[in-house]
Amino acid sequence: MYVLGTVFECIDSNPLSPLFFSYICPKRARQLQLKMELSQLDREIEELVARAKTEIEEYNTACKKYINAFTLAFDDGDIHKQPRHPFLPSTQKL
């Protein structure tokens, strides 16, 4: 009985406390908790998507530069001046 008395005293002192929702409205408290967790996950997903998008754009830019340099070296007929792909090993190592 002492524990319940302590809980209800806390609820009486602050009716908007988390204890109020957890003891009086357990479903609502769980919904609020899940909503906050989902909001946090949404923010984390947005950050990861933005980071991945930036990495993909950087990769595409590097590949475009490589392709342009490769075609220029190939057009000039100087095979030895062909650039190394920024993300692949050199042909000498293969």
C-alpha atoms as a PDB file:
ATOM      1  CA  MET A   1       0.000   0.000   0.000  1.00  0.00           C
ATOM      2  CA  TYR A   2       2.862   2.361   0.653  1.00  0.00           C
ATOM      3  CA  VAL A   3       4.027   2.143  -2.956  1.00  0.00           C
ATOM      4  CA  LEU A   4       0.571   3.010  -4.285  1.00  0.00           C
ATOM      5  CA  GLY A   5       0.308   5.876  -1.849  1.00  0.00           C
ATOM      6  CA  THR A   6       3.659   7.214  -3.051  1.00  0.00           C
ATOM      7  CA  VAL A   7       2.628   6.896  -6.696  1.00  0.00           C
ATOM      8  CA  PHE A   8      -0.663   8.668  -6.195  1.00  0.00           C
ATOM      9  CA  GLU A   9       0.994  11.385  -4.145  1.00  0.00           C
ATOM     10  CA  CYS A  10       3.356  11.968  -7.057  1.00  0.00           C
ATOM     11  CA  ILE A  11       0.440  12.006  -9.477  1.00  0.00           C
ATOM     12  CA  ASP A  12      -1.477  14.466  -7.320  1.00  0.00           C
ATOM     13  CA  SER A  13       1.490  16.799  -7.151  1.00  0.00           C
ATOM     14  CA  ASN A  14       2.029  16.747 -10.927  1.00  0.00           C
ATOM     15  CA  PRO A  15      -0.954  15.383 -12.901  1.00  0.00           C
ATOM     16  CA  LEU A  16       0.936  15.666 -16.210  1.00  0.00           C
ATOM     17  CA  SER A  17       3.851  13.545 -15.040  1.00  0.00           C
ATOM     18  CA  PRO A  18       4.819  10.349 -16.886  1.00  0.00           C
ATOM     19  CA  LEU A  19       3.637   8.385 -13.852  1.00  0.00           C
ATOM     20  CA  PHE A  20       0.136   9.725 -14.421  1.00  0.00           C
ATOM     21  CA  PHE A  21       0.046   8.333 -17.930  1.00  0.00           C
ATOM     22  CA  SER A  22       1.726   5.067 -17.015  1.00  0.00           C
ATOM     23  CA  TYR A  23      -0.673   4.264 -14.162  1.00  0.00           C
ATOM     24  CA  ILE A  24      -3.893   5.936 -15.247  1.00  0.00           C
ATOM     25  CA  CYS A  25      -3.621   5.725 -19.065  1.00  0.00           C
ATOM     26  CA  PRO A  26      -1.185   2.894 -19.865  1.00  0.00           C
ATOM     27  CA  LYS A  27      -2.251   2.608 -23.515  1.00  0.00           C
ATOM     28  CA  ARG A  28      -1.868   6.340 -24.080  1.00  0.00           C
ATOM     29  CA  ALA A  29       1.520   6.330 -22.356  1.00  0.00           C
ATOM     30  CA  ARG A  30       2.701   3.483 -24.566  1.00  0.00           C
ATOM     31  CA  GLN A  31       1.431   5.317 -27.654  1.00  0.00           C
ATOM     32  CA  LEU A  32       3.308   8.466 -26.672  1.00  0.00           C
ATOM     33  CA  GLN A  33       6.472   6.487 -25.990  1.00  0.00           C
ATOM     34  CA  LEU A  34       6.248   4.715 -29.348  1.00  0.00           C
ATOM     35  CA  LYS A  35       5.550   8.007 -31.106  1.00  0.00           C
ATOM     36  CA  MET A  36       8.688   9.553 -29.590  1.00  0.00           C
ATOM     37  CA  GLU A  37      10.773   6.493 -30.524  1.00  0.00           C
ATOM     38  CA  LEU A  38       9.453   6.575 -34.093  1.00  0.00           C
ATOM     39  CA  SER A  39      10.204  10.282 -34.363  1.00  0.00           C
ATOM     40  CA  GLN A  40      13.775   9.624 -33.235  1.00  0.00           C
ATOM     41  CA  LEU A  41      14.124   6.806 -35.771  1.00  0.00           C
ATOM     42  CA  ASP A  42      12.734   9.069 -38.513  1.00  0.00           C
ATOM     43  CA  ARG A  43      15.370  11.700 -37.718  1.00  0.00           C
ATOM     44  CA  GLU A  44      18.135   9.082 -37.764  1.00  0.00           C
ATOM     45  CA  ILE A  45      16.891   7.701 -41.085  1.00  0.00           C
ATOM     46  CA  GLU A  46      16.788  11.199 -42.587  1.00  0.00           C
ATOM     47  CA  GLU A  47      20.403  11.760 -41.522  1.00  0.00           C
ATOM     48  CA  LEU A  48      21.524   8.432 -43.000  1.00  0.00           C
ATOM     49  CA  VAL A  49      19.675   9.083 -46.265  1.00  0.00           C
ATOM     50  CA  ALA A  50      21.241  12.537 -46.562  1.00  0.00           C
ATOM     51  CA  ARG A  51      24.706  11.085 -45.905  1.00  0.00           C
ATOM     52  CA  ALA A  52      24.182   8.305 -48.463  1.00  0.00           C
ATOM     53  CA  LYS A  53      22.903  10.791 -51.033  1.00  0.00           C
ATOM     54  CA  THR A  54      26.004  12.940 -50.561  1.00  0.00           C
ATOM     55  CA  GLU A  55      28.287   9.903 -50.934  1.00  0.00           C
ATOM     56  CA  ILE A  56      26.503   8.830 -54.118  1.00  0.00           C
ATOM     57  CA  GLU A  57      26.786  12.318 -55.599  1.00  0.00           C
ATOM     58  CA  GLU A  58      30.518  12.417 -54.776  1.00  0.00           C
ATOM     59  CA  TYR A  59      30.987   8.969 -56.337  1.00  0.00           C
ATOM     60  CA  ASN A  60      29.118  10.024 -59.492  1.00  0.00           C
ATOM     61  CA  THR A  61      31.215  13.190 -59.789  1.00  0.00           C
ATOM     62  CA  ALA A  62      34.453  11.207 -59.403  1.00  0.00           C
ATOM     63  CA  CYS A  63      33.310   8.666 -62.001  1.00  0.00           C
ATOM     64  CA  LYS A  64      32.374  11.399 -64.473  1.00  0.00           C
ATOM     65  CA  LYS A  65      35.822  12.970 -64.082  1.00  0.00           C
ATOM     66  CA  TYR A  66      37.438   9.568 -64.602  1.00  0.00           C
ATOM     67  CA  ILE A  67      35.392   8.846 -67.722  1.00  0.00           C
ATOM     68  CA  ASN A  68      36.191  12.254 -69.211  1.00  0.00           C
ATOM     69  CA  ALA A  69      39.921  11.846 -68.527  1.00  0.00           C
ATOM     70  CA  PHE A  70      39.848   8.283 -69.863  1.00  0.00           C
ATOM     71  CA  THR A  71      38.205   9.286 -73.127  1.00  0.00           C
ATOM     72  CA  LEU A  72      40.615  12.198 -73.578  1.00  0.00           C
ATOM     73  CA  ALA A  73      43.641   9.945 -73.007  1.00  0.00           C
ATOM     74  CA  PHE A  74      42.194   7.306 -75.314  1.00  0.00           C
ATOM     75  CA  ASP A  75      41.465   9.886 -78.027  1.00  0.00           C
ATOM     76  CA  ASP A  76      45.047  11.156 -77.795  1.00  0.00           C
ATOM     77  CA  GLY A  77      46.304   7.585 -78.181  1.00  0.00           C
ATOM     78  CA  ASP A  78      48.367   7.761 -75.009  1.00  0.00           C
ATOM     79  CA  ILE A  79      47.299   4.626 -73.169  1.00  0.00           C
ATOM     80  CA  HIS A  80      49.895   5.107 -70.411  1.00  0.00           C
ATOM     81  CA  LYS A  81      48.369   8.427 -69.366  1.00  0.00           C
ATOM     82  CA  GLN A  82      44.977   6.934 -68.676  1.00  0.00           C
ATOM     83  CA  PRO A  83      43.949   7.805 -65.158  1.00  0.00           C
ATOM     84  CA  ARG A  84      43.338   5.268 -62.462  1.00  0.00           C
ATOM     85  CA  HIS A  85      39.728   4.816 -61.425  1.00  0.00           C
ATOM     86  CA  PRO A  86      39.214   6.475 -58.030  1.00  0.00           C
ATOM     87  CA  PHE A  87      37.531   3.418 -56.504  1.00  0.00           C
ATOM     88  CA  LEU A  88      39.053   0.485 -58.399  1.00  0.00           C
ATOM     89  CA  PRO A  89      42.593  -0.920 -58.124  1.00  0.00           C
ATOM     90  CA  SER A  90      45.068  -0.168 -60.857  1.00  0.00           C
ATOM     91  CA  THR A  91      45.470  -2.621 -63.711  1.00  0.00           C
ATOM     92  CA  GLN A  92      49.101  -3.201 -62.755  1.00  0.00           C
ATOM     93  CA  LYS A  93      48.007  -4.617 -59.388  1.00  0.00           C
ATOM     94  CA  LEU A  94      45.549  -6.952 -61.089  1.00  0.00           C
END
